Amino acid sequence: MITYILAAITGVLVLLADQFTKVYIQSNFEMAKSYEFLPGFIDITYIHNDGGAWGMLGGYTWLLLSVTIVVMLVCIALLLKYGARDKLMFWAITLVLSGGIGNMIDRVFRDGNVIDFLHFEFWPTFPVFNVADCAIVVGSGLLVLYFFKGIIEEEKQKRSTDTVQESQKDENI
């Protein structure tokens, strides 16, 4: 039970950190200018992104909001179906939801723009991102891990069943 409470608290803290950092960046940094943060690793580059990942679908705010809502509804359905039974699934969905809510708040209250500010200095072509994006990526990675874990467990169970059936056949011969 404590794991679920910690995951829920983490989701709320991620959402608060996302919104706090965006307000801080917007208030204290100049648009489109880079500032060294962790030398050789991450710069702060304040931009507005009116698109999705990598700026795709720029200007299609209502489409992006609609997709976000659908993804969040799917996440809630997965949470209701599997979340209470599996801690990994609960953590994954909590992170995806908190990140999705963070970026959705931006789209609704910042004229369709998401505030992005983290930029890998060592990978100049990688898009600028934010705390919500990090939560979505980590949560999505955990979801992939959850499903791979299920496939592996299913395969192990199938092999053990096949082995038992083979040994029963050998005994009958």
N, C-alpha and C. Protein backbone atom coordinates (compact mmCIF):
# COMPACT_ATOMS: atom_id res chain seq x y z
N MET A 1 0.81 -1.19 0.00
CA MET A 1 0.00 0.00 0.00
C MET A 1 0.87 1.27 0.00
N ILE A 2 1.98 1.22 0.74
CA ILE A 2 2.86 2.39 0.84
C ILE A 2 3.43 2.77 -0.53
N THR A 3 3.69 1.76 -1.36
CA THR A 3 4.24 2.02 -2.70
C THR A 3 3.26 2.85 -3.52
N TYR A 4 1.99 2.53 -3.44
CA TYR A 4 0.98 3.26 -4.19
C TYR A 4 0.84 4.70 -3.70
N ILE A 5 0.93 4.87 -2.39
CA ILE A 5 0.86 6.21 -1.81
C ILE A 5 2.08 7.02 -2.26
N LEU A 6 3.27 6.40 -2.22
CA LEU A 6 4.49 7.09 -2.66
C LEU A 6 4.41 7.46 -4.14
N ALA A 7 3.87 6.57 -4.95
CA ALA A 7 3.74 6.85 -6.39
C ALA A 7 2.79 8.02 -6.60
N ALA A 8 1.67 8.03 -5.90
CA ALA A 8 0.71 9.13 -6.04
C ALA A 8 1.32 10.45 -5.59
N ILE A 9 2.03 10.44 -4.46
CA ILE A 9 2.71 11.65 -3.98
C ILE A 9 3.76 12.10 -4.98
N THR A 10 4.50 11.15 -5.55
CA THR A 10 5.51 11.48 -6.56
C THR A 10 4.86 12.12 -7.78
N GLY A 11 3.73 11.59 -8.21
CA GLY A 11 3.01 12.17 -9.34
C GLY A 11 2.63 13.62 -9.09
N VAL A 12 2.12 13.90 -7.90
CA VAL A 12 1.74 15.26 -7.53
C VAL A 12 2.99 16.16 -7.47
N LEU A 13 4.08 15.64 -6.90
CA LEU A 13 5.32 16.42 -6.80
C LEU A 13 5.91 16.70 -8.19
N VAL A 14 5.83 15.73 -9.09
CA VAL A 14 6.31 15.93 -10.46
C VAL A 14 5.49 17.03 -11.13
N LEU A 15 4.19 16.98 -10.97
CA LEU A 15 3.32 18.01 -11.56
C LEU A 15 3.64 19.39 -10.98
N LEU A 16 3.82 19.47 -9.67
CA LEU A 16 4.16 20.75 -9.04
C LEU A 16 5.54 21.23 -9.50
N ALA A 17 6.52 20.33 -9.58
CA ALA A 17 7.86 20.70 -10.04
C ALA A 17 7.81 21.19 -11.48
N ASP A 18 7.01 20.54 -12.30
CA ASP A 18 6.87 20.94 -13.70
C ASP A 18 6.32 22.36 -13.79
N GLN A 19 5.25 22.62 -13.08
CA GLN A 19 4.63 23.94 -13.15
C GLN A 19 5.51 25.01 -12.52
N PHE A 20 6.15 24.69 -11.41
CA PHE A 20 7.03 25.66 -10.75
C PHE A 20 8.20 26.02 -11.67
N THR A 21 8.85 25.03 -12.27
CA THR A 21 10.00 25.32 -13.12
C THR A 21 9.59 26.13 -14.34
N LYS A 22 8.42 25.85 -14.89
CA LYS A 22 7.95 26.61 -16.06
C LYS A 22 7.69 28.07 -15.70
N VAL A 23 7.06 28.31 -14.56
CA VAL A 23 6.81 29.69 -14.13
C VAL A 23 8.14 30.39 -13.85
N TYR A 24 9.05 29.69 -13.19
CA TYR A 24 10.36 30.26 -12.87
C TYR A 24 11.12 30.63 -14.15
N ILE A 25 11.16 29.71 -15.09
CA ILE A 25 11.88 29.96 -16.35
C ILE A 25 11.24 31.13 -17.09
N GLN A 26 9.93 31.13 -17.19
CA GLN A 26 9.22 32.20 -17.89
C GLN A 26 9.49 33.57 -17.25
N SER A 27 9.61 33.59 -15.94
CA SER A 27 9.80 34.85 -15.22
C SER A 27 11.24 35.34 -15.19
N ASN A 28 12.20 34.42 -15.33
CA ASN A 28 13.59 34.79 -15.09
C ASN A 28 14.54 34.61 -16.26
N PHE A 29 14.06 34.10 -17.37
CA PHE A 29 14.96 33.84 -18.51
C PHE A 29 14.42 34.51 -19.77
N GLU A 30 15.35 34.83 -20.64
CA GLU A 30 15.01 35.47 -21.91
C GLU A 30 14.69 34.41 -22.95
N MET A 31 13.62 34.64 -23.70
CA MET A 31 13.16 33.70 -24.72
C MET A 31 14.27 33.41 -25.73
N ALA A 32 14.45 32.13 -26.04
CA ALA A 32 15.33 31.62 -27.09
C ALA A 32 16.82 31.83 -26.81
N LYS A 33 17.17 32.21 -25.61
CA LYS A 33 18.58 32.38 -25.26
C LYS A 33 19.01 31.21 -24.38
N SER A 34 20.22 30.69 -24.63
CA SER A 34 20.73 29.55 -23.86
C SER A 34 21.61 30.02 -22.72
N TYR A 35 21.45 29.33 -21.59
CA TYR A 35 22.24 29.61 -20.40
C TYR A 35 22.87 28.29 -19.95
N GLU A 36 24.15 28.31 -19.66
CA GLU A 36 24.82 27.09 -19.21
C GLU A 36 24.27 26.71 -17.84
N PHE A 37 23.89 25.46 -17.68
CA PHE A 37 23.35 24.97 -16.41
C PHE A 37 24.27 23.92 -15.82
N LEU A 38 24.39 22.78 -16.47
CA LEU A 38 25.37 21.76 -16.11
C LEU A 38 26.35 21.68 -17.28
N PRO A 39 27.50 22.34 -17.17
CA PRO A 39 28.43 22.46 -18.30
C PRO A 39 28.72 21.12 -18.98
N GLY A 40 28.59 21.15 -20.30
CA GLY A 40 28.83 19.96 -21.10
C GLY A 40 27.68 18.98 -21.12
N PHE A 41 26.62 19.27 -20.35
CA PHE A 41 25.51 18.33 -20.27
C PHE A 41 24.17 18.99 -20.63
N ILE A 42 23.71 19.92 -19.80
CA ILE A 42 22.40 20.53 -20.02
C ILE A 42 22.50 22.05 -19.97
N ASP A 43 21.86 22.69 -20.93
CA ASP A 43 21.68 24.14 -20.95
C ASP A 43 20.21 24.44 -20.66
N ILE A 44 19.97 25.65 -20.18
CA ILE A 44 18.61 26.16 -20.05
C ILE A 44 18.35 27.01 -21.29
N THR A 45 17.40 26.61 -22.11
CA THR A 45 17.03 27.35 -23.31
C THR A 45 15.51 27.50 -23.29
N TYR A 46 15.05 28.69 -22.95
CA TYR A 46 13.62 28.94 -22.80
C TYR A 46 12.97 29.15 -24.16
N ILE A 47 12.01 28.25 -24.48
CA ILE A 47 11.25 28.38 -25.72
C ILE A 47 9.78 28.06 -25.47
N HIS A 48 8.94 28.46 -26.39
CA HIS A 48 7.54 28.05 -26.41
C HIS A 48 7.38 27.04 -27.54
N ASN A 49 6.74 25.93 -27.25
CA ASN A 49 6.51 24.89 -28.25
C ASN A 49 5.01 24.76 -28.47
N ASP A 50 4.55 25.11 -29.66
CA ASP A 50 3.12 25.00 -29.94
C ASP A 50 2.79 23.67 -30.62
N GLY A 51 3.77 22.76 -30.64
CA GLY A 51 3.57 21.44 -31.23
C GLY A 51 3.73 20.36 -30.18
N GLY A 52 3.82 19.13 -30.66
CA GLY A 52 4.06 18.00 -29.79
C GLY A 52 5.55 17.72 -29.71
N ALA A 53 5.91 16.46 -29.56
CA ALA A 53 7.32 16.07 -29.51
C ALA A 53 8.01 16.50 -30.80
N TRP A 54 9.19 17.06 -30.65
CA TRP A 54 9.98 17.55 -31.78
C TRP A 54 9.24 18.64 -32.56
N GLY A 55 8.28 19.31 -31.91
CA GLY A 55 7.55 20.39 -32.56
C GLY A 55 6.55 19.93 -33.61
N MET A 56 6.32 18.61 -33.70
CA MET A 56 5.37 18.10 -34.70
C MET A 56 3.96 18.63 -34.41
N LEU A 57 3.21 18.83 -35.46
CA LEU A 57 1.83 19.32 -35.39
C LEU A 57 1.74 20.70 -34.74
N GLY A 58 2.75 21.52 -34.99
CA GLY A 58 2.76 22.88 -34.47
C GLY A 58 1.51 23.64 -34.89
N GLY A 59 0.88 24.30 -33.93
CA GLY A 59 -0.32 25.09 -34.21
C GLY A 59 -1.61 24.30 -34.13
N TYR A 60 -1.55 23.00 -33.97
CA TYR A 60 -2.75 22.17 -33.88
C TYR A 60 -3.08 21.88 -32.41
N THR A 61 -3.28 22.94 -31.65
CA THR A 61 -3.50 22.82 -30.21
C THR A 61 -4.66 21.91 -29.87
N TRP A 62 -5.79 22.08 -30.56
CA TRP A 62 -6.98 21.28 -30.23
C TRP A 62 -6.76 19.81 -30.54
N LEU A 63 -6.04 19.51 -31.60
CA LEU A 63 -5.72 18.12 -31.91
C LEU A 63 -4.80 17.54 -30.83
N LEU A 64 -3.78 18.30 -30.44
CA LEU A 64 -2.85 17.84 -29.40
C LEU A 64 -3.56 17.67 -28.07
N LEU A 65 -4.46 18.59 -27.74
CA LEU A 65 -5.25 18.44 -26.50
C LEU A 65 -6.14 17.21 -26.57
N SER A 66 -6.75 16.98 -27.72
CA SER A 66 -7.63 15.80 -27.88
C SER A 66 -6.85 14.51 -27.74
N VAL A 67 -5.69 14.44 -28.37
CA VAL A 67 -4.85 13.24 -28.27
C VAL A 67 -4.42 13.03 -26.82
N THR A 68 -4.04 14.12 -26.15
CA THR A 68 -3.63 14.03 -24.74
C THR A 68 -4.76 13.49 -23.89
N ILE A 69 -5.96 13.98 -24.10
CA ILE A 69 -7.11 13.51 -23.33
C ILE A 69 -7.37 12.03 -23.58
N VAL A 70 -7.29 11.60 -24.84
CA VAL A 70 -7.50 10.18 -25.16
C VAL A 70 -6.43 9.32 -24.49
N VAL A 71 -5.17 9.74 -24.58
CA VAL A 71 -4.08 8.98 -23.95
C VAL A 71 -4.29 8.91 -22.45
N MET A 72 -4.71 10.03 -21.86
CA MET A 72 -4.94 10.03 -20.41
C MET A 72 -6.12 9.12 -20.03
N LEU A 73 -7.16 9.07 -20.85
CA LEU A 73 -8.28 8.16 -20.58
C LEU A 73 -7.83 6.70 -20.69
N VAL A 74 -6.98 6.41 -21.67
CA VAL A 74 -6.43 5.05 -21.79
C VAL A 74 -5.59 4.73 -20.55
N CYS A 75 -4.79 5.69 -20.10
CA CYS A 75 -3.98 5.49 -18.90
C CYS A 75 -4.86 5.22 -17.68
N ILE A 76 -5.92 5.97 -17.55
CA ILE A 76 -6.83 5.76 -16.42
C ILE A 76 -7.48 4.38 -16.50
N ALA A 77 -7.86 3.96 -17.71
CA ALA A 77 -8.44 2.62 -17.89
C ALA A 77 -7.41 1.55 -17.51
N LEU A 78 -6.16 1.72 -17.95
CA LEU A 78 -5.11 0.76 -17.58
C LEU A 78 -4.88 0.76 -16.07
N LEU A 79 -4.92 1.94 -15.48
CA LEU A 79 -4.73 2.06 -14.04
C LEU A 79 -5.84 1.33 -13.29
N LEU A 80 -7.07 1.50 -13.75
CA LEU A 80 -8.19 0.83 -13.10
C LEU A 80 -8.13 -0.68 -13.29
N LYS A 81 -7.68 -1.12 -14.46
CA LYS A 81 -7.65 -2.55 -14.75
C LYS A 81 -6.44 -3.26 -14.12
N TYR A 82 -5.26 -2.63 -14.20
CA TYR A 82 -4.03 -3.32 -13.77
C TYR A 82 -3.31 -2.64 -12.61
N GLY A 83 -3.54 -1.36 -12.42
CA GLY A 83 -2.74 -0.58 -11.49
C GLY A 83 -2.74 -1.08 -10.06
N ALA A 84 -3.87 -1.46 -9.55
CA ALA A 84 -3.94 -1.92 -8.16
C ALA A 84 -3.26 -3.28 -7.98
N ARG A 85 -3.10 -4.02 -9.06
CA ARG A 85 -2.47 -5.35 -8.98
C ARG A 85 -0.97 -5.30 -9.20
N ASP A 86 -0.48 -4.23 -9.78
CA ASP A 86 0.94 -4.20 -10.13
C ASP A 86 1.55 -2.83 -9.84
N LYS A 87 2.57 -2.83 -9.00
CA LYS A 87 3.22 -1.57 -8.60
C LYS A 87 3.91 -0.89 -9.77
N LEU A 88 4.55 -1.66 -10.63
CA LEU A 88 5.24 -1.09 -11.79
C LEU A 88 4.25 -0.36 -12.70
N MET A 89 3.11 -0.98 -12.95
CA MET A 89 2.08 -0.35 -13.78
C MET A 89 1.58 0.93 -13.11
N PHE A 90 1.38 0.90 -11.82
CA PHE A 90 0.88 2.07 -11.10
C PHE A 90 1.87 3.23 -11.21
N TRP A 91 3.15 2.95 -10.99
CA TRP A 91 4.17 3.99 -11.12
C TRP A 91 4.21 4.54 -12.55
N ALA A 92 4.18 3.66 -13.53
CA ALA A 92 4.25 4.08 -14.93
C ALA A 92 3.09 5.02 -15.28
N ILE A 93 1.89 4.61 -14.96
CA ILE A 93 0.71 5.40 -15.29
C ILE A 93 0.70 6.72 -14.53
N THR A 94 1.12 6.69 -13.27
CA THR A 94 1.17 7.91 -12.47
C THR A 94 2.10 8.93 -13.11
N LEU A 95 3.26 8.49 -13.59
CA LEU A 95 4.20 9.41 -14.23
C LEU A 95 3.67 9.94 -15.56
N VAL A 96 3.09 9.07 -16.36
CA VAL A 96 2.54 9.52 -17.65
C VAL A 96 1.41 10.52 -17.41
N LEU A 97 0.54 10.23 -16.46
CA LEU A 97 -0.57 11.15 -16.17
C LEU A 97 -0.08 12.50 -15.65
N SER A 98 0.88 12.48 -14.73
CA SER A 98 1.35 13.76 -14.17
C SER A 98 2.04 14.60 -15.25
N GLY A 99 2.81 13.96 -16.12
CA GLY A 99 3.43 14.69 -17.23
C GLY A 99 2.40 15.20 -18.22
N GLY A 100 1.43 14.37 -18.54
CA GLY A 100 0.37 14.77 -19.46
C GLY A 100 -0.44 15.94 -18.93
N ILE A 101 -0.75 15.90 -17.65
CA ILE A 101 -1.50 17.00 -17.04
C ILE A 101 -0.66 18.28 -17.07
N GLY A 102 0.63 18.15 -16.77
CA GLY A 102 1.51 19.33 -16.78
C GLY A 102 1.54 20.01 -18.14
N ASN A 103 1.70 19.24 -19.20
CA ASN A 103 1.73 19.84 -20.53
C ASN A 103 0.35 20.32 -20.98
N MET A 104 -0.69 19.63 -20.52
CA MET A 104 -2.05 20.06 -20.88
C MET A 104 -2.38 21.40 -20.21
N ILE A 105 -1.93 21.59 -18.98
CA ILE A 105 -2.13 22.88 -18.31
C ILE A 105 -1.51 23.99 -19.15
N ASP A 106 -0.30 23.75 -19.66
CA ASP A 106 0.36 24.74 -20.51
C ASP A 106 -0.48 25.05 -21.74
N ARG A 107 -0.91 24.03 -22.44
CA ARG A 107 -1.66 24.24 -23.68
C ARG A 107 -2.94 25.04 -23.44
N VAL A 108 -3.60 24.77 -22.33
CA VAL A 108 -4.86 25.45 -22.04
C VAL A 108 -4.63 26.88 -21.55
N PHE A 109 -3.65 27.09 -20.67
CA PHE A 109 -3.49 28.39 -20.03
C PHE A 109 -2.35 29.24 -20.59
N ARG A 110 -1.62 28.74 -21.56
CA ARG A 110 -0.51 29.51 -22.15
C ARG A 110 -0.67 29.60 -23.67
N ASP A 111 -1.88 29.85 -24.10
CA ASP A 111 -2.19 30.07 -25.52
C ASP A 111 -1.72 28.95 -26.44
N GLY A 112 -1.87 27.72 -26.00
CA GLY A 112 -1.50 26.58 -26.84
C GLY A 112 -0.03 26.23 -26.83
N ASN A 113 0.75 26.97 -26.05
CA ASN A 113 2.20 26.73 -25.99
C ASN A 113 2.59 25.95 -24.75
N VAL A 114 3.58 25.09 -24.91
CA VAL A 114 4.20 24.41 -23.79
C VAL A 114 5.56 25.07 -23.57
N ILE A 115 5.88 25.37 -22.32
CA ILE A 115 7.18 25.95 -22.02
C ILE A 115 8.19 24.82 -21.92
N ASP A 116 9.22 24.89 -22.75
CA ASP A 116 10.33 23.94 -22.73
C ASP A 116 11.59 24.71 -22.39
N PHE A 117 12.53 24.04 -21.71
CA PHE A 117 13.73 24.78 -21.28
C PHE A 117 14.96 23.91 -21.08
N LEU A 118 14.85 22.62 -21.03
CA LEU A 118 16.02 21.75 -20.85
C LEU A 118 16.55 21.32 -22.20
N HIS A 119 17.84 21.52 -22.41
CA HIS A 119 18.44 21.17 -23.70
C HIS A 119 19.78 20.50 -23.48
N PHE A 120 19.94 19.31 -24.08
CA PHE A 120 21.22 18.60 -23.98
C PHE A 120 22.28 19.35 -24.77
N GLU A 121 23.30 19.82 -24.08
CA GLU A 121 24.39 20.53 -24.73
C GLU A 121 25.19 19.59 -25.63
N PHE A 122 25.34 18.34 -25.20
CA PHE A 122 26.14 17.38 -25.96
C PHE A 122 25.39 16.81 -27.17
N TRP A 123 24.09 17.10 -27.28
CA TRP A 123 23.29 16.61 -28.40
C TRP A 123 22.47 17.79 -28.94
N PRO A 124 23.12 18.68 -29.68
CA PRO A 124 22.48 19.94 -30.08
C PRO A 124 21.19 19.78 -30.89
N THR A 125 21.03 18.69 -31.61
CA THR A 125 19.83 18.53 -32.44
C THR A 125 18.65 17.94 -31.67
N PHE A 126 18.87 17.49 -30.43
CA PHE A 126 17.78 16.95 -29.63
C PHE A 126 16.88 18.11 -29.19
N PRO A 127 15.56 17.92 -29.23
CA PRO A 127 14.66 19.03 -28.90
C PRO A 127 14.75 19.46 -27.44
N VAL A 128 14.37 20.69 -27.21
CA VAL A 128 14.29 21.24 -25.85
C VAL A 128 13.05 20.62 -25.19
N PHE A 129 13.15 20.31 -23.90
CA PHE A 129 12.07 19.60 -23.22
C PHE A 129 11.86 20.17 -21.83
N ASN A 130 10.98 19.55 -21.04
CA ASN A 130 10.67 20.05 -19.70
C ASN A 130 10.47 18.88 -18.73
N VAL A 131 10.14 19.19 -17.49
CA VAL A 131 9.96 18.17 -16.46
C VAL A 131 8.81 17.21 -16.82
N ALA A 132 7.72 17.74 -17.34
CA ALA A 132 6.58 16.90 -17.73
C ALA A 132 7.00 15.90 -18.80
N ASP A 133 7.79 16.35 -19.78
CA ASP A 133 8.27 15.44 -20.83
C ASP A 133 9.10 14.32 -20.23
N CYS A 134 9.94 14.65 -19.25
CA CYS A 134 10.76 13.63 -18.58
C CYS A 134 9.87 12.58 -17.91
N ALA A 135 8.82 13.04 -17.23
CA ALA A 135 7.90 12.12 -16.55
C ALA A 135 7.20 11.22 -17.56
N ILE A 136 6.79 11.79 -18.68
CA ILE A 136 6.11 10.99 -19.71
C ILE A 136 7.05 9.94 -20.29
N VAL A 137 8.29 10.31 -20.56
CA VAL A 137 9.26 9.37 -21.13
C VAL A 137 9.59 8.26 -20.14
N VAL A 138 9.84 8.62 -18.88
CA VAL A 138 10.15 7.59 -17.87
C VAL A 138 8.93 6.69 -17.66
N GLY A 139 7.75 7.28 -17.54
CA GLY A 139 6.53 6.48 -17.37
C GLY A 139 6.28 5.56 -18.55
N SER A 140 6.49 6.05 -19.76
CA SER A 140 6.32 5.22 -20.96
C SER A 140 7.33 4.08 -20.98
N GLY A 141 8.55 4.38 -20.57
CA GLY A 141 9.58 3.33 -20.48
C GLY A 141 9.18 2.26 -19.49
N LEU A 142 8.63 2.68 -18.35
CA LEU A 142 8.16 1.71 -17.36
C LEU A 142 6.99 0.88 -17.88
N LEU A 143 6.12 1.51 -18.69
CA LEU A 143 5.02 0.75 -19.31
C LEU A 143 5.56 -0.32 -20.25
N VAL A 144 6.54 0.04 -21.06
CA VAL A 144 7.16 -0.94 -21.97
C VAL A 144 7.77 -2.07 -21.14
N LEU A 145 8.47 -1.72 -20.06
CA LEU A 145 9.06 -2.73 -19.18
C LEU A 145 7.98 -3.63 -18.60
N TYR A 146 6.86 -3.05 -18.18
CA TYR A 146 5.75 -3.82 -17.63
C TYR A 146 5.25 -4.85 -18.64
N PHE A 147 5.04 -4.41 -19.88
CA PHE A 147 4.52 -5.33 -20.89
C PHE A 147 5.55 -6.39 -21.29
N PHE A 148 6.82 -6.01 -21.37
CA PHE A 148 7.87 -7.01 -21.65
C PHE A 148 7.96 -8.02 -20.52
N LYS A 149 7.85 -7.53 -19.29
CA LYS A 149 7.87 -8.41 -18.12
C LYS A 149 6.73 -9.43 -18.22
N GLY A 150 5.54 -8.97 -18.62
CA GLY A 150 4.39 -9.86 -18.77
C GLY A 150 4.62 -10.89 -19.87
N ILE A 151 5.20 -10.47 -20.98
CA ILE A 151 5.48 -11.40 -22.09
C ILE A 151 6.49 -12.45 -21.64
N ILE A 152 7.53 -12.04 -20.93
CA ILE A 152 8.56 -12.98 -20.46
C ILE A 152 7.96 -13.97 -19.47
N GLU A 153 7.15 -13.47 -18.53
CA GLU A 153 6.52 -14.35 -17.55
C GLU A 153 5.57 -15.34 -18.23
N GLU A 154 4.84 -14.86 -19.22
CA GLU A 154 3.92 -15.73 -19.97
C GLU A 154 4.71 -16.83 -20.71
N GLU A 155 5.82 -16.45 -21.30
CA GLU A 155 6.65 -17.42 -22.03
C GLU A 155 7.24 -18.44 -21.07
N LYS A 156 7.69 -18.02 -19.90
CA LYS A 156 8.23 -18.95 -18.91
C LYS A 156 7.15 -19.94 -18.46
N GLN A 157 5.95 -19.41 -18.24
CA GLN A 157 4.85 -20.27 -17.81
C GLN A 157 4.50 -21.28 -18.90
N LYS A 158 4.50 -20.83 -20.14
CA LYS A 158 4.20 -21.71 -21.27
C LYS A 158 5.25 -22.81 -21.37
N ARG A 159 6.52 -22.45 -21.21
CA ARG A 159 7.60 -23.45 -21.28
C ARG A 159 7.50 -24.47 -20.16
N SER A 160 7.17 -23.99 -18.96
CA SER A 160 7.06 -24.94 -17.84
C SER A 160 5.86 -25.87 -18.05
N THR A 161 4.77 -25.35 -18.60
CA THR A 161 3.60 -26.18 -18.91
C THR A 161 3.95 -27.20 -19.98
N ASP A 162 4.68 -26.76 -21.02
CA ASP A 162 5.12 -27.68 -22.08
C ASP A 162 6.02 -28.76 -21.53
N THR A 163 6.92 -28.39 -20.60
CA THR A 163 7.83 -29.36 -20.00
C THR A 163 7.07 -30.39 -19.19
N VAL A 164 6.07 -29.95 -18.42
CA VAL A 164 5.26 -30.88 -17.63
C VAL A 164 4.49 -31.82 -18.56
N GLN A 165 3.93 -31.30 -19.63
CA GLN A 165 3.18 -32.13 -20.58
C GLN A 165 4.11 -33.14 -21.26
N GLU A 166 5.31 -32.72 -21.60
CA GLU A 166 6.29 -33.64 -22.21
C GLU A 166 6.67 -34.76 -21.26
N SER A 167 6.90 -34.41 -19.98
CA SER A 167 7.28 -35.45 -19.03
C SER A 167 6.12 -36.42 -18.77
N GLN A 168 4.88 -35.91 -18.81
CA GLN A 168 3.72 -36.78 -18.65
C GLN A 168 3.59 -37.73 -19.84
N LYS A 169 3.88 -37.25 -21.05
CA LYS A 169 3.86 -38.10 -22.24
C LYS A 169 4.90 -39.20 -22.12
N ASP A 170 6.10 -38.82 -21.64
CA ASP A 170 7.19 -39.80 -21.50
C ASP A 170 6.82 -40.87 -20.48
N GLU A 171 6.14 -40.50 -19.42
CA GLU A 171 5.73 -41.45 -18.40
C GLU A 171 4.66 -42.42 -18.94
N ASN A 172 3.83 -41.95 -19.83
CA ASN A 172 2.76 -42.76 -20.38
C ASN A 172 3.26 -43.77 -21.42
N ILE A 173 4.44 -43.52 -21.97
CA ILE A 173 4.96 -44.39 -23.02
C ILE A 173 5.61 -45.57 -22.43
